[in-house]
Every structure is written in C-alpha cells, then in structure tokens.
Amino acid sequence: GAGIHVCPGAPLARLELRVVMEELLRQT
C-alpha cells in the first residue's frame, strides 16, 4: 500500500519473509 493506507504489518511481513528465505537458502 501507500500513504495513509500503507500496511501497518509491513515491517513484520518483510522480517518474516527475509528470515524464511535466508534459512531456506542457507540450509539447501
């Protein structure tokens, strides 16, 4: 989203996705 409609969960979502993909790539 953007402006006043930006997702308040964006920082958490980015953290979760980064950690998931880091672990997937590190362990395979």
PDB file of all heavy atoms in Angstrom:
ATOM      1  N   GLY A   1       0.822  -1.194   0.000  1.00  0.00           N
ATOM      2  CA  GLY A   1       0.000   0.000   0.000  1.00  0.00           C
ATOM      3  C   GLY A   1       0.863   1.254   0.000  1.00  0.00           C
ATOM      4  O   GLY A   1       2.069   1.208  -0.225  1.00  0.00           O
ATOM      5  N   ALA A   2       0.219   2.406   0.274  1.00  0.00           N
ATOM      6  CA  ALA A   2       0.934   3.675   0.250  1.00  0.00           C
ATOM      7  C   ALA A   2       0.169   4.701   1.068  1.00  0.00           C
ATOM      8  O   ALA A   2      -1.040   4.560   1.303  1.00  0.00           O
ATOM      9  CB  ALA A   2       1.110   4.170  -1.188  1.00  0.00           C
ATOM     10  N   GLY A   3       0.882   5.746   1.489  1.00  0.00           N
ATOM     11  CA  GLY A   3       0.255   6.844   2.218  1.00  0.00           C
ATOM     12  C   GLY A   3      -0.406   6.378   3.499  1.00  0.00           C
ATOM     13  O   GLY A   3       0.130   5.545   4.226  1.00  0.00           O
ATOM     14  N   ILE A   4      -1.615   6.893   3.748  1.00  0.00           N
ATOM     15  CA  ILE A   4      -2.318   6.516   4.980  1.00  0.00           C
ATOM     16  C   ILE A   4      -2.820   5.081   4.909  1.00  0.00           C
ATOM     17  O   ILE A   4      -3.262   4.531   5.921  1.00  0.00           O
ATOM     18  CB  ILE A   4      -3.492   7.468   5.287  1.00  0.00           C
ATOM     19  CG1 ILE A   4      -4.552   7.406   4.186  1.00  0.00           C
ATOM     20  CG2 ILE A   4      -3.002   8.889   5.485  1.00  0.00           C
ATOM     21  CD1 ILE A   4      -5.837   8.153   4.545  1.00  0.00           C
ATOM     22  N   HIS A   5      -2.771   4.478   3.724  1.00  0.00           N
ATOM     23  CA  HIS A   5      -3.241   3.105   3.560  1.00  0.00           C
ATOM     24  C   HIS A   5      -2.086   2.105   3.543  1.00  0.00           C
ATOM     25  O   HIS A   5      -2.269   0.956   3.134  1.00  0.00           O
ATOM     26  CB  HIS A   5      -4.061   2.974   2.277  1.00  0.00           C
ATOM     27  CG  HIS A   5      -5.332   3.774   2.308  1.00  0.00           C
ATOM     28  ND1 HIS A   5      -6.410   3.418   3.074  1.00  0.00           N
ATOM     29  CD2 HIS A   5      -5.663   4.931   1.692  1.00  0.00           C
ATOM     30  CE1 HIS A   5      -7.374   4.322   2.916  1.00  0.00           C
ATOM     31  NE2 HIS A   5      -6.945   5.241   2.090  1.00  0.00           N
ATOM     32  N   VAL A   6      -0.889   2.514   3.953  1.00  0.00           N
ATOM     33  CA  VAL A   6       0.224   1.583   3.984  1.00  0.00           C
ATOM     34  C   VAL A   6      -0.042   0.509   5.045  1.00  0.00           C
ATOM     35  O   VAL A   6      -0.626   0.785   6.096  1.00  0.00           O
ATOM     36  CB  VAL A   6       1.557   2.321   4.252  1.00  0.00           C
ATOM     37  CG1 VAL A   6       1.623   2.827   5.685  1.00  0.00           C
ATOM     38  CG2 VAL A   6       2.749   1.429   3.942  1.00  0.00           C
ATOM     39  N   CYS A   7       0.371  -0.713   4.762  1.00  0.00           N
ATOM     40  CA  CYS A   7       0.116  -1.835   5.673  1.00  0.00           C
ATOM     41  C   CYS A   7       0.896  -1.667   6.972  1.00  0.00           C
ATOM     42  O   CYS A   7       2.128  -1.578   6.939  1.00  0.00           O
ATOM     43  CB  CYS A   7       0.527  -3.138   4.983  1.00  0.00           C
ATOM     44  SG  CYS A   7       0.429  -4.585   6.051  1.00  0.00           S
ATOM     45  N   PRO A   8       0.233  -1.630   8.128  1.00  0.00           N
ATOM     46  CA  PRO A   8       0.965  -1.498   9.389  1.00  0.00           C
ATOM     47  C   PRO A   8       1.810  -2.726   9.711  1.00  0.00           C
ATOM     48  O   PRO A   8       2.724  -2.663  10.529  1.00  0.00           O
ATOM     49  CB  PRO A   8      -0.146  -1.289  10.435  1.00  0.00           C
ATOM     50  CG  PRO A   8      -1.351  -1.913   9.824  1.00  0.00           C
ATOM     51  CD  PRO A   8      -1.231  -1.697   8.345  1.00  0.00           C
ATOM     52  N   GLY A   9       1.509  -3.854   9.063  1.00  0.00           N
ATOM     53  CA  GLY A   9       2.279  -5.068   9.295  1.00  0.00           C
ATOM     54  C   GLY A   9       3.448  -5.248   8.350  1.00  0.00           C
ATOM     55  O   GLY A   9       4.120  -6.282   8.380  1.00  0.00           O
ATOM     56  N   ALA A  10       3.727  -4.235   7.499  1.00  0.00           N
ATOM     57  CA  ALA A  10       4.794  -4.372   6.500  1.00  0.00           C
ATOM     58  C   ALA A  10       6.152  -4.708   7.105  1.00  0.00           C
ATOM     59  O   ALA A  10       6.842  -5.615   6.608  1.00  0.00           O
ATOM     60  CB  ALA A  10       4.873  -3.109   5.642  1.00  0.00           C
ATOM     61  N   PRO A  11       6.597  -4.046   8.185  1.00  0.00           N
ATOM     62  CA  PRO A  11       7.907  -4.399   8.749  1.00  0.00           C
ATOM     63  C   PRO A  11       7.961  -5.853   9.226  1.00  0.00           C
ATOM     64  O   PRO A  11       8.965  -6.539   9.027  1.00  0.00           O
ATOM     65  CB  PRO A  11       8.072  -3.417   9.915  1.00  0.00           C
ATOM     66  CG  PRO A  11       7.208  -2.249   9.543  1.00  0.00           C
ATOM     67  CD  PRO A  11       6.033  -2.855   8.843  1.00  0.00           C
ATOM     68  N   LEU A  12       6.879  -6.328   9.845  1.00  0.00           N
ATOM     69  CA  LEU A  12       6.846  -7.714  10.303  1.00  0.00           C
ATOM     70  C   LEU A  12       6.845  -8.672   9.122  1.00  0.00           C
ATOM     71  O   LEU A  12       7.555  -9.685   9.121  1.00  0.00           O
ATOM     72  CB  LEU A  12       5.610  -7.958  11.174  1.00  0.00           C
ATOM     73  CG  LEU A  12       5.400  -9.402  11.654  1.00  0.00           C
ATOM     74  CD1 LEU A  12       6.564  -9.880  12.494  1.00  0.00           C
ATOM     75  CD2 LEU A  12       4.092  -9.515  12.427  1.00  0.00           C
ATOM     76  N   ALA A  13       6.051  -8.364   8.093  1.00  0.00           N
ATOM     77  CA  ALA A  13       5.988  -9.228   6.913  1.00  0.00           C
ATOM     78  C   ALA A  13       7.360  -9.320   6.245  1.00  0.00           C
ATOM     79  O   ALA A  13       7.809 -10.408   5.869  1.00  0.00           O
ATOM     80  CB  ALA A  13       4.960  -8.690   5.928  1.00  0.00           C
ATOM     81  N   ARG A  14       8.039  -8.185   6.095  1.00  0.00           N
ATOM     82  CA  ARG A  14       9.359  -8.192   5.470  1.00  0.00           C
ATOM     83  C   ARG A  14      10.353  -9.003   6.310  1.00  0.00           C
ATOM     84  O   ARG A  14      11.184  -9.733   5.767  1.00  0.00           O
ATOM     85  CB  ARG A  14       9.856  -6.760   5.279  1.00  0.00           C
ATOM     86  CG  ARG A  14       9.149  -6.026   4.132  1.00  0.00           C
ATOM     87  CD  ARG A  14       9.837  -4.697   3.833  1.00  0.00           C
ATOM     88  NE  ARG A  14       9.378  -4.149   2.570  1.00  0.00           N
ATOM     89  CZ  ARG A  14       8.578  -3.080   2.457  1.00  0.00           C
ATOM     90  NH1 ARG A  14       8.147  -2.465   3.548  1.00  0.00           N
ATOM     91  NH2 ARG A  14       8.217  -2.642   1.265  1.00  0.00           N
ATOM     92  N   LEU A  15      10.271  -8.861   7.629  1.00  0.00           N
ATOM     93  CA  LEU A  15      11.153  -9.631   8.514  1.00  0.00           C
ATOM     94  C   LEU A  15      10.905 -11.124   8.355  1.00  0.00           C
ATOM     95  O   LEU A  15      11.845 -11.915   8.196  1.00  0.00           O
ATOM     96  CB  LEU A  15      10.923  -9.200   9.961  1.00  0.00           C
ATOM     97  CG  LEU A  15      11.617 -10.041  11.045  1.00  0.00           C
ATOM     98  CD1 LEU A  15      13.124  -9.911  10.947  1.00  0.00           C
ATOM     99  CD2 LEU A  15      11.130  -9.626  12.428  1.00  0.00           C
ATOM    100  N   GLU A  16       9.634 -11.517   8.389  1.00  0.00           N
ATOM    101  CA  GLU A  16       9.296 -12.942   8.289  1.00  0.00           C
ATOM    102  C   GLU A  16       9.767 -13.525   6.956  1.00  0.00           C
ATOM    103  O   GLU A  16      10.369 -14.613   6.921  1.00  0.00           O
ATOM    104  CB  GLU A  16       7.791 -13.135   8.441  1.00  0.00           C
ATOM    105  CG  GLU A  16       7.286 -12.853   9.847  1.00  0.00           C
ATOM    106  CD  GLU A  16       5.774 -12.943   9.961  1.00  0.00           C
ATOM    107  OE1 GLU A  16       5.073 -12.731   8.963  1.00  0.00           O
ATOM    108  OE2 GLU A  16       5.302 -13.228  11.073  1.00  0.00           O
ATOM    109  N   LEU A  17       9.500 -12.812   5.870  1.00  0.00           N
ATOM    110  CA  LEU A  17       9.872 -13.323   4.546  1.00  0.00           C
ATOM    111  C   LEU A  17      11.385 -13.396   4.392  1.00  0.00           C
ATOM    112  O   LEU A  17      11.910 -14.355   3.818  1.00  0.00           O
ATOM    113  CB  LEU A  17       9.261 -12.446   3.456  1.00  0.00           C
ATOM    114  CG  LEU A  17       7.739 -12.521   3.343  1.00  0.00           C
ATOM    115  CD1 LEU A  17       7.213 -11.459   2.392  1.00  0.00           C
ATOM    116  CD2 LEU A  17       7.294 -13.910   2.889  1.00  0.00           C
ATOM    117  N   ARG A  18      12.097 -12.392   4.909  1.00  0.00           N
ATOM    118  CA  ARG A  18      13.559 -12.428   4.811  1.00  0.00           C
ATOM    119  C   ARG A  18      14.125 -13.615   5.584  1.00  0.00           C
ATOM    120  O   ARG A  18      14.976 -14.352   5.081  1.00  0.00           O
ATOM    121  CB  ARG A  18      14.154 -11.121   5.350  1.00  0.00           C
ATOM    122  CG  ARG A  18      15.690 -11.120   5.376  1.00  0.00           C
ATOM    123  CD  ARG A  18      16.247  -9.821   5.913  1.00  0.00           C
ATOM    124  NE  ARG A  18      15.840  -9.522   7.270  1.00  0.00           N
ATOM    125  CZ  ARG A  18      16.364 -10.091   8.367  1.00  0.00           C
ATOM    126  NH1 ARG A  18      17.307 -11.024   8.250  1.00  0.00           N
ATOM    127  NH2 ARG A  18      15.937  -9.745   9.575  1.00  0.00           N
ATOM    128  N   VAL A  19      13.637 -13.823   6.806  1.00  0.00           N
ATOM    129  CA  VAL A  19      14.162 -14.915   7.636  1.00  0.00           C
ATOM    130  C   VAL A  19      13.843 -16.271   7.012  1.00  0.00           C
ATOM    131  O   VAL A  19      14.703 -17.161   6.958  1.00  0.00           O
ATOM    132  CB  VAL A  19      13.597 -14.818   9.070  1.00  0.00           C
ATOM    133  CG1 VAL A  19      13.940 -16.072   9.867  1.00  0.00           C
ATOM    134  CG2 VAL A  19      14.143 -13.582   9.768  1.00  0.00           C
ATOM    135  N   VAL A  20      12.611 -16.436   6.519  1.00  0.00           N
ATOM    136  CA  VAL A  20      12.238 -17.714   5.883  1.00  0.00           C
ATOM    137  C   VAL A  20      13.163 -18.011   4.704  1.00  0.00           C
ATOM    138  O   VAL A  20      13.697 -19.117   4.571  1.00  0.00           O
ATOM    139  CB  VAL A  20      10.770 -17.680   5.416  1.00  0.00           C
ATOM    140  CG1 VAL A  20      10.483 -18.841   4.475  1.00  0.00           C
ATOM    141  CG2 VAL A  20       9.835 -17.754   6.610  1.00  0.00           C
ATOM    142  N   MET A  21      13.364 -17.020   3.841  1.00  0.00           N
ATOM    143  CA  MET A  21      14.171 -17.253   2.642  1.00  0.00           C
ATOM    144  C   MET A  21      15.655 -17.401   2.973  1.00  0.00           C
ATOM    145  O   MET A  21      16.365 -18.190   2.352  1.00  0.00           O
ATOM    146  CB  MET A  21      13.949 -16.131   1.628  1.00  0.00           C
ATOM    147  CG  MET A  21      12.536 -16.054   1.082  1.00  0.00           C
ATOM    148  SD  MET A  21      11.840 -17.655   0.542  1.00  0.00           S
ATOM    149  CE  MET A  21      13.025 -18.133  -0.724  1.00  0.00           C
ATOM    150  N   GLU A  22      16.132 -16.664   3.969  1.00  0.00           N
ATOM    151  CA  GLU A  22      17.528 -16.842   4.400  1.00  0.00           C
ATOM    152  C   GLU A  22      17.765 -18.278   4.860  1.00  0.00           C
ATOM    153  O   GLU A  22      18.750 -18.915   4.476  1.00  0.00           O
ATOM    154  CB  GLU A  22      17.860 -15.875   5.538  1.00  0.00           C
ATOM    155  CG  GLU A  22      18.171 -14.460   5.101  1.00  0.00           C
ATOM    156  CD  GLU A  22      18.472 -13.551   6.282  1.00  0.00           C
ATOM    157  OE1 GLU A  22      18.261 -13.980   7.444  1.00  0.00           O
ATOM    158  OE2 GLU A  22      18.892 -12.413   6.045  1.00  0.00           O
ATOM    159  N   GLU A  23      16.866 -18.769   5.700  1.00  0.00           N
ATOM    160  CA  GLU A  23      17.046 -20.123   6.238  1.00  0.00           C
ATOM    161  C   GLU A  23      16.894 -21.169   5.137  1.00  0.00           C
ATOM    162  O   GLU A  23      17.623 -22.166   5.123  1.00  0.00           O
ATOM    163  CB  GLU A  23      16.040 -20.372   7.366  1.00  0.00           C
ATOM    164  CG  GLU A  23      16.297 -19.536   8.598  1.00  0.00           C
ATOM    165  CD  GLU A  23      17.715 -19.694   9.112  1.00  0.00           C
ATOM    166  OE1 GLU A  23      18.162 -20.850   9.301  1.00  0.00           O
ATOM    167  OE2 GLU A  23      18.394 -18.674   9.306  1.00  0.00           O
ATOM    168  N   LEU A  24      15.953 -20.952   4.224  1.00  0.00           N
ATOM    169  CA  LEU A  24      15.764 -21.906   3.129  1.00  0.00           C
ATOM    170  C   LEU A  24      17.011 -21.972   2.249  1.00  0.00           C
ATOM    171  O   LEU A  24      17.468 -23.060   1.877  1.00  0.00           O
ATOM    172  CB  LEU A  24      14.552 -21.504   2.295  1.00  0.00           C
ATOM    173  CG  LEU A  24      14.168 -22.436   1.146  1.00  0.00           C
ATOM    174  CD1 LEU A  24      13.874 -23.847   1.656  1.00  0.00           C
ATOM    175  CD2 LEU A  24      12.964 -21.894   0.396  1.00  0.00           C
ATOM    176  N   LEU A  25      17.599 -20.839   1.934  1.00  0.00           N
ATOM    177  CA  LEU A  25      18.781 -20.818   1.072  1.00  0.00           C
ATOM    178  C   LEU A  25      20.031 -21.303   1.805  1.00  0.00           C
ATOM    179  O   LEU A  25      20.892 -21.959   1.216  1.00  0.00           O
ATOM    180  CB  LEU A  25      19.003 -19.406   0.517  1.00  0.00           C
ATOM    181  CG  LEU A  25      17.913 -18.906  -0.446  1.00  0.00           C
ATOM    182  CD1 LEU A  25      18.199 -17.477  -0.875  1.00  0.00           C
ATOM    183  CD2 LEU A  25      17.786 -19.814  -1.655  1.00  0.00           C
ATOM    184  N   ARG A  26      20.142 -20.988   3.098  1.00  0.00           N
ATOM    185  CA  ARG A  26      21.314 -21.418   3.869  1.00  0.00           C
ATOM    186  C   ARG A  26      21.355 -22.932   4.045  1.00  0.00           C
ATOM    187  O   ARG A  26      22.421 -23.537   4.075  1.00  0.00           O
ATOM    188  CB  ARG A  26      21.292 -20.757   5.253  1.00  0.00           C
ATOM    189  CG  ARG A  26      21.812 -19.324   5.285  1.00  0.00           C
ATOM    190  CD  ARG A  26      21.843 -18.820   6.710  1.00  0.00           C
ATOM    191  NE  ARG A  26      22.385 -17.471   6.789  1.00  0.00           N
ATOM    192  CZ  ARG A  26      21.827 -16.484   7.478  1.00  0.00           C
ATOM    193  NH1 ARG A  26      20.692 -16.689   8.143  1.00  0.00           N
ATOM    194  NH2 ARG A  26      22.382 -15.289   7.512  1.00  0.00           N
ATOM    195  N   GLN A  27      20.188 -23.539   4.200  1.00  0.00           N
ATOM    196  CA  GLN A  27      20.146 -24.949   4.579  1.00  0.00           C
ATOM    197  C   GLN A  27      19.904 -25.890   3.394  1.00  0.00           C
ATOM    198  O   GLN A  27      19.665 -27.076   3.589  1.00  0.00           O
ATOM    199  CB  GLN A  27      19.069 -25.150   5.644  1.00  0.00           C
ATOM    200  CG  GLN A  27      19.368 -24.361   6.917  1.00  0.00           C
ATOM    201  CD  GLN A  27      18.405 -24.660   8.037  1.00  0.00           C
ATOM    202  OE1 GLN A  27      18.055 -25.823   8.261  1.00  0.00           O
ATOM    203  NE2 GLN A  27      17.985 -23.646   8.759  1.00  0.00           N
ATOM    204  N   THR A  28      19.978 -25.334   2.182  1.00  0.00           N
ATOM    205  CA  THR A  28      19.800 -26.171   0.992  1.00  0.00           C
ATOM    206  C   THR A  28      20.891 -25.835  -0.023  1.00  0.00           C
ATOM    207  O   THR A  28      21.573 -24.818   0.084  1.00  0.00           O
ATOM    208  CB  THR A  28      18.430 -25.926   0.331  1.00  0.00           C
ATOM    209  OG1 THR A  28      18.355 -24.562  -0.111  1.00  0.00           O
ATOM    210  CG2 THR A  28      17.291 -26.192   1.293  1.00  0.00           C
TER     211      THR A  28
END
